[in-house]
Amino acid sequence: MHAEPRLHEPVTVRTFTQLFSCTPRGARLARRLVAHRMDVWGFPYDGDAGENVELVVAELAANAVRHGRVPGRDFRVRLVLRDGVVRVEVADGRTERLPVLPERGGSEAGHGLLLVSAVAERWGVEPRPGCAYKVVWAEVRVWQPGGPATWARRREGRTVVAEADRGENRRQTRDPDRGTS
């Protein structure tokens, strides 16, 4: 009569949140800190996953500085890594200006959101009625959950490649000077 308890795979959720000054310097710092955070999480600086998240943050942070600036208010960057997807959120103080995806082939301005829509699985805007900010978000897939996933991580000048395949973990270290070990 008793059903066996169902075991659930553990879910790791990683987050990063930081406030930045609403200046071009703040946008550059946001991009650099996100690139570092992705590397800490196991996605190297020169890997597709890290570069895609960095690109999304760079474009959304630039938009926050260019179009969402309110004197005396900062913008916030938040990353959430869960189930193979990094959700990038950028909150700024200009609630009445919502981003709109421009038409292709239009003016020179607005191409950042076209890049975001090309790299991200989904993106959108969450106006916060009654609040002094809005959140522009994008979701970037960095690996497929539940299936084989490969990601690289730099350690001490060597690249460590980890493959996770449903309960079977294999680690292989690649050293460019000595070959694979």
Foldseek 3Di string as FASTA:
>chain_A
DDDDDDDDDDKDKDKDKDWFALAPVRLVVQLVVQLVVVLVVFAHNPHPQSVLVSLLSSLVSPCCSPPQDDPPDIKMWMWMDIQQKIKIKIKGQRLVDFDDQDDPPDDPPRCSVVSLVVAFPDWDKARDPPDRIIITMTMGGRFHGQAWGWHWHDDPQWIKIWIDGRPDTDIWTADPVPGTD
